[in-house]
Amino acid sequence: MDLSSKSVLVVGAGIMGAGIAQVAAQSMRAAGQQVFLHDAREGAAAQAKDKLASTLQGLVAKGKLTAEACEGALARIVPVSSLAAVPGSDVGLVVEAIVERLDVKRSLFPRQKHARLHRQPHCTAVLRRNAGPAAGAGGFAGALGRMPEDGGFSDGAL
């Protein structure tokens, strides 16, 4: 999977999602690459970016990160309040980092042709799961693969 020129979408801006966004943003090298960070809770993605700014600035103060690398990583993280705001053609990787509730996870990938973020043939979705209640999510939780051809994301439950 070559993501050298593609952006990343992280759905869920809690501790796990923010950490994934940070690593992705610090790893990007190509011009124009972005990490779109979305959360269902209004303002959560922007708050997560603010916390990441503090974390990265702390690394700069300790000499573990340059100021330029800090600024670059923060510039690549783009909080979005709606999945409709994400340019689907730019996204090469979607990472799910939402609450461990099976009903919410299932609603993330509805099989509806009118989905907000349309599938692109180059996009891979990574869905995480733990040993908790969502472990019964069946064919999609914990899987690495293509998003359904007839579906995508819905803002409804996110």
Protein backbone atom coordinates (compact mmCIF):
# COMPACT_ATOMS: atom_id res chain seq x y z
CA MET A 1 0.00 0.00 0.00
CA ASP A 2 1.66 3.20 -1.19
CA LEU A 3 0.45 6.22 0.74
CA SER A 4 3.35 8.47 -0.19
CA SER A 5 1.11 11.10 -1.76
CA LYS A 6 -2.27 10.41 -0.13
CA SER A 7 -3.96 11.92 2.87
CA VAL A 8 -5.31 10.04 5.90
CA LEU A 9 -8.71 10.25 7.56
CA VAL A 10 -8.91 9.37 11.26
CA VAL A 11 -12.47 8.92 12.52
CA GLY A 12 -12.49 9.41 16.27
CA ALA A 13 -10.50 12.10 18.09
CA GLY A 14 -10.05 10.47 21.49
CA ILE A 15 -6.68 9.40 22.85
CA MET A 16 -6.25 6.63 20.27
CA GLY A 17 -7.42 8.71 17.30
CA ALA A 18 -5.33 11.73 18.27
CA GLY A 19 -2.26 9.52 18.65
CA ILE A 20 -2.83 7.99 15.23
CA ALA A 21 -3.25 11.47 13.74
CA GLN A 22 0.02 12.60 15.37
CA VAL A 23 2.03 9.66 14.03
CA ALA A 24 0.53 10.04 10.56
CA ALA A 25 1.20 13.79 10.47
CA GLN A 26 4.80 13.35 11.65
CA SER A 27 5.40 10.62 9.05
CA MET A 28 4.15 12.55 6.00
CA ARG A 29 6.68 13.99 3.60
CA ALA A 30 4.80 14.81 0.36
CA ALA A 31 3.44 18.28 -0.25
CA GLY A 32 -0.31 18.48 0.17
CA GLN A 33 -0.69 15.44 2.39
CA GLN A 34 -3.09 15.99 5.27
CA VAL A 35 -4.54 14.13 8.22
CA PHE A 36 -8.26 14.80 8.46
CA LEU A 37 -9.44 14.27 12.04
CA HIS A 38 -13.17 13.80 12.69
CA ASP A 39 -15.25 13.15 15.78
CA ALA A 40 -19.00 13.03 16.36
CA ARG A 41 -18.70 15.31 19.36
CA GLU A 42 -18.73 18.93 18.24
CA GLY A 43 -15.33 20.53 18.74
CA ALA A 44 -13.58 17.31 19.81
CA ALA A 45 -11.30 17.18 16.76
CA ALA A 46 -10.15 20.77 17.28
CA GLN A 47 -9.58 20.08 20.99
CA ALA A 48 -7.52 17.01 20.10
CA LYS A 49 -5.38 19.11 17.76
CA ASP A 50 -4.84 21.68 20.54
CA LYS A 51 -3.68 18.90 22.91
CA LEU A 52 -1.38 17.55 20.21
CA ALA A 53 0.10 21.03 19.79
CA SER A 54 0.97 21.06 23.47
CA THR A 55 2.48 17.55 23.25
CA LEU A 56 4.57 18.38 20.19
CA GLN A 57 5.74 21.69 21.67
CA GLY A 58 6.83 19.75 24.74
CA LEU A 59 8.92 17.50 22.50
CA VAL A 60 10.49 20.61 20.96
CA ALA A 61 11.32 21.96 24.42
CA LYS A 62 13.05 18.66 25.28
CA GLY A 63 15.04 18.74 22.05
CA LYS A 64 13.36 15.59 20.70
CA LEU A 65 11.64 17.37 17.79
CA THR A 66 12.59 20.42 15.76
CA ALA A 67 10.32 23.45 15.72
CA GLU A 68 9.95 23.02 11.95
CA ALA A 69 8.83 19.40 12.32
CA CYS A 70 6.35 20.46 15.00
CA GLU A 71 4.89 23.21 12.83
CA GLY A 72 4.74 20.90 9.81
CA ALA A 73 2.92 18.15 11.68
CA LEU A 74 0.39 20.58 13.15
CA ALA A 75 -0.21 22.17 9.75
CA ARG A 76 -1.05 18.75 8.29
CA ILE A 77 -3.73 17.96 10.90
CA VAL A 78 -7.08 19.29 9.74
CA PRO A 79 -10.03 18.93 12.14
CA VAL A 80 -13.30 18.38 10.26
CA SER A 81 -16.75 18.56 11.79
CA SER A 82 -18.39 16.65 8.96
CA LEU A 83 -17.20 13.76 6.84
CA ALA A 84 -18.73 15.58 3.87
CA ALA A 85 -15.87 18.09 4.22
CA VAL A 86 -13.27 15.42 3.46
CA PRO A 87 -12.15 15.30 -0.19
CA GLY A 88 -12.52 11.57 -0.85
CA SER A 89 -10.21 11.55 -3.86
CA ASP A 90 -7.29 12.66 -1.66
CA VAL A 91 -7.71 10.01 1.05
CA GLY A 92 -5.69 6.81 0.74
CA LEU A 93 -6.21 5.48 4.26
CA VAL A 94 -9.16 5.65 6.64
CA VAL A 95 -8.57 4.67 10.26
CA GLU A 96 -11.51 4.05 12.58
CA ALA A 97 -10.82 4.94 16.23
CA ILE A 98 -14.32 5.35 17.61
CA VAL A 99 -16.03 4.21 20.78
CA GLU A 100 -16.13 0.45 21.36
CA ARG A 101 -19.86 0.07 20.77
CA LEU A 102 -20.99 -2.38 18.11
CA ASP A 103 -24.01 -0.33 17.04
CA VAL A 104 -21.85 2.76 16.47
CA LYS A 105 -19.16 0.80 14.63
CA ARG A 106 -21.77 -0.79 12.36
CA SER A 107 -23.23 2.61 11.53
CA LEU A 108 -19.81 3.86 10.38
CA PHE A 109 -19.99 1.93 7.12
CA PRO A 110 -23.63 1.92 6.05
CA ARG A 111 -24.39 0.17 2.81
CA GLN A 112 -26.11 3.14 1.25
CA LYS A 113 -25.46 4.45 -2.24
CA HIS A 114 -25.91 8.03 -1.03
CA ALA A 115 -22.97 7.86 1.38
CA ARG A 116 -21.18 11.12 2.10
CA LEU A 117 -17.61 10.00 1.46
CA HIS A 118 -17.56 8.10 -1.78
CA ARG A 119 -15.33 5.12 -2.26
CA GLN A 120 -12.21 5.52 -4.27
CA PRO A 121 -10.44 2.44 -5.66
CA HIS A 122 -7.19 3.42 -3.93
CA CYS A 123 -8.60 3.81 -0.41
CA THR A 124 -8.02 1.27 2.36
CA ALA A 125 -9.98 1.24 5.61
CA VAL A 126 -8.51 0.05 8.90
CA LEU A 127 -10.98 -0.79 11.61
CA ARG A 128 -9.75 -1.58 15.07
CA ARG A 129 -11.33 -3.72 17.69
CA ASN A 130 -10.48 -4.96 21.12
CA ALA A 131 -11.65 -7.98 23.05
CA GLY A 132 -14.66 -6.08 24.35
CA PRO A 133 -18.27 -6.09 23.18
CA ALA A 134 -17.46 -4.89 19.67
CA ALA A 135 -15.44 -8.03 19.03
CA GLY A 136 -18.62 -9.53 17.61
CA ALA A 137 -18.66 -7.03 14.78
CA GLY A 138 -18.13 -9.87 12.36
CA GLY A 139 -16.94 -9.16 8.86
CA PHE A 140 -15.63 -5.65 9.32
CA ALA A 141 -14.34 -4.90 12.83
CA GLY A 142 -10.63 -5.49 13.04
CA ALA A 143 -10.34 -5.97 9.29
CA LEU A 144 -7.95 -4.34 6.91
CA GLY A 145 -9.39 -4.01 3.45
CA ARG A 146 -11.46 -2.14 0.95
CA MET A 147 -14.53 -0.22 1.94
CA PRO A 148 -17.81 -1.56 0.47
CA GLU A 149 -18.28 -0.59 -3.17
CA ASP A 150 -21.82 0.59 -2.49
CA GLY A 151 -21.12 2.39 0.75
CA GLY A 152 -18.96 4.79 2.62
CA PHE A 153 -19.34 7.00 5.61
CA SER A 154 -22.42 8.51 7.12
CA ASP A 155 -22.39 11.50 9.46
CA GLY A 156 -25.48 10.17 11.21
CA ALA A 157 -23.96 8.15 14.03
CA LEU A 158 -20.57 9.72 14.11
